[in-house]
């Protein structure tokens, strides 16, 4: 099983915030449970972006009639290109994470080692959200 990462990232003005995140090597039923749990914990989210890869397409089909705002995405650029496109947000200090979160250290470690680290799924989740928030000009994201 591959790593699956889900996150809730919000934006106020020029600042964006990692509000919550989960990461695990889950089978399909657990992936769907995790999506439901994040939405339940953060009912104000407007969009839930799910990549149409691996179990993503099945998760979309399973949840689209139950949870509003599910958007299937199919990134066409490399993870490096996606990260580069929103690097200005991080470089400007506009992306913030709660230092008390255990996930925050994992995210920082992965961001600092990207693209040469052993994993890149947290970076990918963050960059997908930042692209949507800054380049596509939309609201919240899960």
N, C-alpha and C. Protein backbone atom coordinates (compact mmCIF):
# COMPACT_ATOMS: atom_id res chain seq x y z
N UNK A 1 0.83 -1.18 0.00
CA UNK A 1 0.00 0.00 0.00
C UNK A 1 0.87 1.24 0.00
N UNK A 2 0.43 2.24 -0.72
CA UNK A 2 1.14 3.52 -0.79
C UNK A 2 0.66 4.43 0.32
N UNK A 3 1.46 5.46 0.59
CA UNK A 3 1.05 6.47 1.56
C UNK A 3 -0.15 7.23 1.00
N UNK A 4 -1.09 7.55 1.87
CA UNK A 4 -2.22 8.40 1.55
C UNK A 4 -2.18 9.55 2.53
N UNK A 5 -2.28 10.77 2.03
CA UNK A 5 -2.24 11.96 2.88
C UNK A 5 -3.48 12.80 2.61
N UNK A 6 -4.11 13.23 3.67
CA UNK A 6 -5.22 14.15 3.55
C UNK A 6 -4.98 15.33 4.46
N UNK A 7 -5.37 16.49 4.02
CA UNK A 7 -5.13 17.66 4.84
C UNK A 7 -6.23 18.69 4.69
N UNK A 8 -6.35 19.53 5.70
CA UNK A 8 -7.26 20.65 5.66
C UNK A 8 -6.38 21.90 5.72
N UNK A 9 -6.48 22.68 4.68
CA UNK A 9 -5.68 23.91 4.59
C UNK A 9 -6.63 25.06 4.32
N UNK A 10 -6.54 26.08 5.13
CA UNK A 10 -7.39 27.25 4.98
C UNK A 10 -6.57 28.47 4.60
N UNK A 11 -7.24 29.49 4.11
CA UNK A 11 -6.56 30.71 3.69
C UNK A 11 -7.35 31.92 4.17
N UNK A 12 -6.62 32.85 4.79
CA UNK A 12 -7.19 34.12 5.20
C UNK A 12 -6.24 35.20 4.69
N UNK A 13 -6.71 36.03 3.80
CA UNK A 13 -5.85 37.05 3.20
C UNK A 13 -4.71 36.38 2.46
N UNK A 14 -3.50 36.79 2.76
CA UNK A 14 -2.34 36.21 2.08
C UNK A 14 -1.79 34.98 2.78
N UNK A 15 -2.31 34.67 3.96
CA UNK A 15 -1.79 33.55 4.76
C UNK A 15 -2.62 32.29 4.57
N UNK A 16 -1.93 31.15 4.52
CA UNK A 16 -2.61 29.86 4.50
C UNK A 16 -2.11 29.05 5.68
N UNK A 17 -2.96 28.16 6.15
CA UNK A 17 -2.70 27.44 7.39
C UNK A 17 -2.99 25.96 7.22
N UNK A 18 -2.06 25.12 7.64
CA UNK A 18 -2.33 23.69 7.74
C UNK A 18 -3.11 23.51 9.03
N UNK A 19 -4.38 23.17 8.91
CA UNK A 19 -5.28 23.08 10.05
C UNK A 19 -5.28 21.67 10.63
N UNK A 20 -5.26 20.68 9.75
CA UNK A 20 -5.32 19.29 10.19
C UNK A 20 -4.78 18.43 9.07
N UNK A 21 -4.28 17.26 9.42
CA UNK A 21 -3.78 16.34 8.40
C UNK A 21 -3.73 14.92 8.94
N UNK A 22 -3.83 13.98 8.02
CA UNK A 22 -3.71 12.56 8.35
C UNK A 22 -2.82 11.92 7.29
N UNK A 23 -2.14 10.87 7.71
CA UNK A 23 -1.25 10.16 6.78
C UNK A 23 -1.18 8.71 7.20
N UNK A 24 -1.30 7.82 6.22
CA UNK A 24 -1.20 6.40 6.55
C UNK A 24 -1.10 5.55 5.30
N UNK A 25 -0.81 4.30 5.52
CA UNK A 25 -0.82 3.31 4.43
C UNK A 25 -2.10 2.52 4.61
N UNK A 26 -3.15 3.00 3.95
CA UNK A 26 -4.49 2.48 4.16
C UNK A 26 -5.01 1.72 2.95
N UNK A 27 -5.84 0.73 3.24
CA UNK A 27 -6.58 0.10 2.16
C UNK A 27 -7.75 1.02 1.80
N UNK A 28 -8.50 0.65 0.79
CA UNK A 28 -9.58 1.51 0.31
C UNK A 28 -10.62 1.83 1.38
N UNK A 29 -11.15 0.85 2.11
CA UNK A 29 -12.16 1.20 3.12
C UNK A 29 -11.65 2.19 4.17
N UNK A 30 -10.39 2.04 4.58
CA UNK A 30 -9.84 2.97 5.57
C UNK A 30 -9.63 4.35 4.97
N UNK A 31 -9.23 4.42 3.71
CA UNK A 31 -9.07 5.71 3.03
C UNK A 31 -10.41 6.46 3.03
N UNK A 32 -11.49 5.77 2.71
CA UNK A 32 -12.82 6.38 2.71
C UNK A 32 -13.20 6.83 4.12
N UNK A 33 -12.90 6.00 5.13
CA UNK A 33 -13.18 6.38 6.52
C UNK A 33 -12.42 7.65 6.91
N UNK A 34 -11.17 7.76 6.48
CA UNK A 34 -10.36 8.93 6.81
C UNK A 34 -10.91 10.20 6.15
N UNK A 35 -11.37 10.09 4.92
CA UNK A 35 -11.97 11.25 4.24
C UNK A 35 -13.23 11.68 4.98
N UNK A 36 -14.07 10.72 5.33
CA UNK A 36 -15.30 11.04 6.09
C UNK A 36 -14.95 11.70 7.42
N UNK A 37 -13.94 11.18 8.11
CA UNK A 37 -13.56 11.72 9.42
C UNK A 37 -13.05 13.15 9.31
N UNK A 38 -12.24 13.44 8.29
CA UNK A 38 -11.75 14.81 8.11
C UNK A 38 -12.91 15.76 7.82
N UNK A 39 -13.84 15.33 6.98
CA UNK A 39 -14.99 16.18 6.66
C UNK A 39 -15.85 16.40 7.90
N UNK A 40 -16.05 15.36 8.70
CA UNK A 40 -16.84 15.48 9.92
C UNK A 40 -16.17 16.44 10.91
N UNK A 41 -14.85 16.34 11.02
CA UNK A 41 -14.10 17.21 11.93
C UNK A 41 -14.03 18.65 11.44
N UNK A 42 -14.17 18.84 10.12
CA UNK A 42 -14.05 20.18 9.52
C UNK A 42 -15.20 20.39 8.54
N UNK A 43 -16.42 20.52 9.04
CA UNK A 43 -17.58 20.59 8.15
C UNK A 43 -17.64 21.85 7.28
N UNK A 44 -16.84 22.86 7.60
CA UNK A 44 -16.83 24.11 6.84
C UNK A 44 -16.05 24.01 5.53
N UNK A 45 -15.36 22.91 5.33
CA UNK A 45 -14.58 22.79 4.09
C UNK A 45 -15.51 22.86 2.89
N UNK A 46 -15.04 23.52 1.84
CA UNK A 46 -15.85 23.70 0.64
C UNK A 46 -15.50 22.71 -0.45
N UNK A 47 -14.25 22.34 -0.53
CA UNK A 47 -13.80 21.43 -1.58
C UNK A 47 -13.00 20.29 -0.97
N UNK A 48 -13.18 19.13 -1.54
CA UNK A 48 -12.37 17.97 -1.18
C UNK A 48 -11.74 17.49 -2.47
N UNK A 49 -10.47 17.77 -2.62
CA UNK A 49 -9.76 17.37 -3.83
C UNK A 49 -9.25 15.95 -3.67
N UNK A 50 -9.55 15.10 -4.62
CA UNK A 50 -9.08 13.72 -4.60
C UNK A 50 -8.47 13.41 -5.95
N UNK A 51 -7.21 12.98 -5.92
CA UNK A 51 -6.55 12.59 -7.16
C UNK A 51 -7.22 11.35 -7.74
N UNK A 52 -7.36 11.35 -9.03
CA UNK A 52 -8.00 10.22 -9.73
C UNK A 52 -6.99 9.11 -10.00
N UNK A 53 -6.12 8.84 -9.03
CA UNK A 53 -5.11 7.78 -9.15
C UNK A 53 -5.37 6.73 -8.08
N UNK A 54 -4.81 5.56 -8.27
CA UNK A 54 -4.93 4.46 -7.30
C UNK A 54 -6.39 4.30 -6.88
N UNK A 55 -6.68 4.42 -5.58
CA UNK A 55 -8.05 4.27 -5.09
C UNK A 55 -8.87 5.55 -5.18
N UNK A 56 -8.26 6.62 -5.69
CA UNK A 56 -8.94 7.91 -5.73
C UNK A 56 -10.24 7.91 -6.50
N UNK A 57 -10.24 7.30 -7.66
CA UNK A 57 -11.46 7.27 -8.49
C UNK A 57 -12.58 6.53 -7.77
N UNK A 58 -12.25 5.41 -7.13
CA UNK A 58 -13.26 4.66 -6.37
C UNK A 58 -13.75 5.47 -5.17
N UNK A 59 -12.86 6.21 -4.52
CA UNK A 59 -13.27 7.04 -3.38
C UNK A 59 -14.22 8.14 -3.84
N UNK A 60 -13.93 8.73 -4.99
CA UNK A 60 -14.81 9.77 -5.54
C UNK A 60 -16.20 9.18 -5.77
N UNK A 61 -16.26 8.05 -6.45
CA UNK A 61 -17.56 7.42 -6.75
C UNK A 61 -18.31 7.03 -5.48
N UNK A 62 -17.58 6.57 -4.48
CA UNK A 62 -18.21 6.15 -3.23
C UNK A 62 -18.77 7.33 -2.45
N UNK A 63 -18.09 8.47 -2.47
CA UNK A 63 -18.45 9.59 -1.60
C UNK A 63 -19.17 10.74 -2.27
N UNK A 64 -19.20 10.80 -3.60
CA UNK A 64 -19.71 12.00 -4.28
C UNK A 64 -21.20 12.28 -4.00
N UNK A 65 -21.99 11.25 -3.74
CA UNK A 65 -23.40 11.48 -3.43
C UNK A 65 -23.65 11.71 -1.94
N UNK A 66 -22.61 11.51 -1.14
CA UNK A 66 -22.73 11.64 0.31
C UNK A 66 -22.15 12.96 0.83
N UNK A 67 -21.03 13.39 0.24
CA UNK A 67 -20.32 14.57 0.73
C UNK A 67 -20.25 15.60 -0.41
N UNK A 68 -20.80 16.79 -0.19
CA UNK A 68 -20.73 17.81 -1.24
C UNK A 68 -19.31 18.36 -1.39
N UNK A 69 -18.99 18.79 -2.58
CA UNK A 69 -17.72 19.47 -2.82
C UNK A 69 -16.57 18.57 -3.23
N UNK A 70 -16.83 17.29 -3.50
CA UNK A 70 -15.74 16.42 -3.93
C UNK A 70 -15.39 16.74 -5.37
N UNK A 71 -14.11 16.99 -5.59
CA UNK A 71 -13.61 17.34 -6.92
C UNK A 71 -12.49 16.37 -7.27
N UNK A 72 -12.68 15.62 -8.32
CA UNK A 72 -11.63 14.74 -8.80
C UNK A 72 -10.61 15.53 -9.61
N UNK A 73 -9.35 15.33 -9.31
CA UNK A 73 -8.30 16.05 -10.05
C UNK A 73 -7.34 15.04 -10.66
N UNK A 74 -6.77 15.44 -11.76
CA UNK A 74 -5.81 14.61 -12.46
C UNK A 74 -4.60 15.48 -12.83
N UNK A 75 -3.66 15.62 -11.90
CA UNK A 75 -2.50 16.48 -12.16
C UNK A 75 -1.74 16.02 -13.40
N UNK A 76 -1.35 16.99 -14.20
CA UNK A 76 -0.61 16.66 -15.42
C UNK A 76 0.87 17.00 -15.30
N UNK A 77 1.23 17.83 -14.32
CA UNK A 77 2.62 18.20 -14.14
C UNK A 77 3.28 17.28 -13.12
N UNK A 78 4.59 17.26 -13.10
CA UNK A 78 5.32 16.47 -12.11
C UNK A 78 5.13 17.09 -10.73
N UNK A 79 5.42 16.32 -9.69
CA UNK A 79 5.33 16.85 -8.33
C UNK A 79 6.30 18.01 -8.15
N UNK A 80 7.46 17.92 -8.77
CA UNK A 80 8.45 19.00 -8.69
C UNK A 80 7.91 20.28 -9.33
N UNK A 81 7.26 20.17 -10.49
CA UNK A 81 6.70 21.34 -11.16
C UNK A 81 5.57 21.95 -10.34
N UNK A 82 4.76 21.10 -9.74
CA UNK A 82 3.65 21.61 -8.91
C UNK A 82 4.20 22.34 -7.69
N UNK A 83 5.23 21.79 -7.07
CA UNK A 83 5.84 22.44 -5.90
C UNK A 83 6.48 23.76 -6.29
N UNK A 84 7.16 23.77 -7.41
CA UNK A 84 7.82 24.99 -7.88
C UNK A 84 6.81 26.11 -8.14
N UNK A 85 5.65 25.75 -8.67
CA UNK A 85 4.63 26.74 -9.01
C UNK A 85 4.10 27.50 -7.80
N UNK A 86 4.15 26.88 -6.62
CA UNK A 86 3.63 27.54 -5.42
C UNK A 86 4.72 27.80 -4.38
N UNK A 87 5.97 27.64 -4.76
CA UNK A 87 7.06 27.85 -3.81
C UNK A 87 7.09 29.27 -3.27
N UNK A 88 6.57 30.22 -4.03
CA UNK A 88 6.54 31.61 -3.58
C UNK A 88 5.75 31.76 -2.28
N UNK A 89 4.74 30.93 -2.08
CA UNK A 89 3.91 31.02 -0.88
C UNK A 89 4.74 30.67 0.36
N UNK A 90 5.50 29.60 0.26
CA UNK A 90 6.34 29.17 1.38
C UNK A 90 7.49 30.14 1.58
N UNK A 91 8.14 30.52 0.49
CA UNK A 91 9.28 31.43 0.57
C UNK A 91 8.89 32.77 1.18
N UNK A 92 7.68 33.23 0.92
CA UNK A 92 7.22 34.52 1.45
C UNK A 92 6.74 34.41 2.90
N UNK A 93 6.74 33.20 3.45
CA UNK A 93 6.28 33.01 4.82
C UNK A 93 4.76 33.02 4.94
N UNK A 94 4.07 32.75 3.84
CA UNK A 94 2.61 32.79 3.84
C UNK A 94 1.96 31.43 4.12
N UNK A 95 2.77 30.38 4.32
CA UNK A 95 2.21 29.07 4.67
C UNK A 95 2.64 28.75 6.08
N UNK A 96 1.67 28.52 6.97
CA UNK A 96 1.95 28.32 8.38
C UNK A 96 1.44 26.97 8.85
N UNK A 97 2.18 26.38 9.79
CA UNK A 97 1.78 25.11 10.39
C UNK A 97 1.90 25.25 11.90
N UNK A 98 1.05 24.56 12.63
CA UNK A 98 1.07 24.58 14.09
C UNK A 98 2.27 23.76 14.57
N UNK A 99 3.20 24.41 15.23
CA UNK A 99 4.43 23.76 15.67
C UNK A 99 4.19 22.64 16.69
N UNK A 100 3.04 22.63 17.33
CA UNK A 100 2.77 21.61 18.34
C UNK A 100 2.28 20.29 17.73
N UNK A 101 1.97 20.32 16.46
CA UNK A 101 1.46 19.11 15.80
C UNK A 101 2.60 18.17 15.44
N UNK A 102 2.43 16.89 15.76
CA UNK A 102 3.43 15.90 15.37
C UNK A 102 3.56 15.80 13.86
N UNK A 103 2.46 16.03 13.16
CA UNK A 103 2.47 15.98 11.70
C UNK A 103 3.33 17.11 11.13
N UNK A 104 3.37 18.23 11.84
CA UNK A 104 4.13 19.38 11.36
C UNK A 104 5.60 19.03 11.17
N UNK A 105 6.18 18.31 12.09
CA UNK A 105 7.59 17.94 11.95
C UNK A 105 7.79 17.03 10.75
N UNK A 106 6.90 16.07 10.56
CA UNK A 106 6.96 15.21 9.37
C UNK A 106 6.89 16.04 8.10
N UNK A 107 5.96 17.01 8.09
CA UNK A 107 5.79 17.86 6.91
C UNK A 107 7.05 18.69 6.66
N UNK A 108 7.60 19.28 7.71
CA UNK A 108 8.82 20.08 7.55
C UNK A 108 9.97 19.23 7.03
N UNK A 109 10.14 18.05 7.62
CA UNK A 109 11.22 17.16 7.17
C UNK A 109 11.07 16.81 5.70
N UNK A 110 9.85 16.49 5.30
CA UNK A 110 9.62 16.12 3.91
C UNK A 110 9.81 17.31 2.98
N UNK A 111 9.37 18.48 3.40
CA UNK A 111 9.54 19.67 2.57
C UNK A 111 11.02 20.00 2.38
N UNK A 112 11.80 19.86 3.45
CA UNK A 112 13.22 20.18 3.37
C UNK A 112 14.01 19.17 2.53
N UNK A 113 13.55 17.93 2.48
CA UNK A 113 14.26 16.91 1.71
C UNK A 113 13.73 16.76 0.28
N UNK A 114 12.63 17.43 -0.02
CA UNK A 114 12.01 17.32 -1.34
C UNK A 114 12.91 17.93 -2.42
N UNK A 115 13.10 17.32 -3.55
CA UNK A 115 12.47 16.11 -4.08
C UNK A 115 13.31 14.85 -3.86
N UNK A 116 14.32 14.92 -3.02
CA UNK A 116 15.23 13.79 -2.85
C UNK A 116 14.95 12.93 -1.63
N UNK A 117 13.88 13.20 -0.91
CA UNK A 117 13.54 12.42 0.27
C UNK A 117 12.92 11.08 -0.09
N UNK A 118 12.72 10.26 0.92
CA UNK A 118 12.15 8.93 0.69
C UNK A 118 10.65 8.99 0.44
N UNK A 119 9.98 10.07 0.87
CA UNK A 119 8.56 10.25 0.60
C UNK A 119 8.31 11.68 0.13
N UNK A 120 7.21 11.85 -0.60
CA UNK A 120 6.86 13.20 -1.07
C UNK A 120 5.36 13.44 -1.05
N UNK A 121 4.62 12.59 -0.36
CA UNK A 121 3.16 12.68 -0.39
C UNK A 121 2.62 13.86 0.40
N UNK A 122 3.28 14.23 1.49
CA UNK A 122 2.85 15.39 2.26
C UNK A 122 3.07 16.65 1.43
N UNK A 123 4.23 16.75 0.82
CA UNK A 123 4.52 17.90 -0.04
C UNK A 123 3.49 17.98 -1.16
N UNK A 124 3.16 16.86 -1.74
CA UNK A 124 2.20 16.84 -2.84
C UNK A 124 0.83 17.34 -2.37
N UNK A 125 0.37 16.89 -1.21
CA UNK A 125 -0.92 17.36 -0.69
C UNK A 125 -0.89 18.86 -0.46
N UNK A 126 0.18 19.34 0.16
CA UNK A 126 0.29 20.77 0.45
C UNK A 126 0.33 21.59 -0.84
N UNK A 127 1.13 21.15 -1.80
CA UNK A 127 1.25 21.94 -3.03
C UNK A 127 -0.04 21.92 -3.85
N UNK A 128 -0.77 20.79 -3.82
CA UNK A 128 -2.06 20.75 -4.52
C UNK A 128 -3.02 21.77 -3.89
N UNK A 129 -3.01 21.84 -2.55
CA UNK A 129 -3.88 22.79 -1.87
C UNK A 129 -3.47 24.22 -2.15
N UNK A 130 -2.17 24.50 -2.06
CA UNK A 130 -1.70 25.87 -2.29
C UNK A 130 -1.98 26.32 -3.71
N UNK A 131 -1.85 25.42 -4.65
CA UNK A 131 -2.17 25.77 -6.05
C UNK A 131 -3.64 26.19 -6.15
N UNK A 132 -4.50 25.41 -5.53
CA UNK A 132 -5.93 25.71 -5.59
C UNK A 132 -6.23 27.04 -4.89
N UNK A 133 -5.60 27.26 -3.74
CA UNK A 133 -5.88 28.46 -2.96
C UNK A 133 -5.29 29.74 -3.55
N UNK A 134 -4.11 29.64 -4.14
CA UNK A 134 -3.43 30.85 -4.63
C UNK A 134 -3.52 31.03 -6.13
N UNK A 135 -3.46 29.95 -6.86
CA UNK A 135 -3.45 30.08 -8.33
C UNK A 135 -4.82 29.90 -8.95
N UNK A 136 -5.68 29.12 -8.30
CA UNK A 136 -7.03 28.91 -8.82
C UNK A 136 -8.05 29.77 -8.09
N UNK A 137 -7.60 30.46 -7.01
CA UNK A 137 -8.40 31.44 -6.30
C UNK A 137 -9.72 30.87 -5.75
N UNK A 138 -9.64 29.75 -5.04
CA UNK A 138 -10.83 29.19 -4.42
C UNK A 138 -10.70 29.23 -2.91
N UNK A 139 -11.65 28.65 -2.21
CA UNK A 139 -11.67 28.72 -0.75
C UNK A 139 -10.93 27.61 -0.06
N UNK A 140 -11.61 26.92 0.85
CA UNK A 140 -10.97 25.86 1.63
C UNK A 140 -10.78 24.60 0.82
N UNK A 141 -9.96 23.73 1.34
CA UNK A 141 -9.57 22.51 0.64
C UNK A 141 -9.38 21.40 1.65
N UNK A 142 -9.79 20.22 1.29
CA UNK A 142 -9.45 19.02 2.08
C UNK A 142 -8.75 18.07 1.16
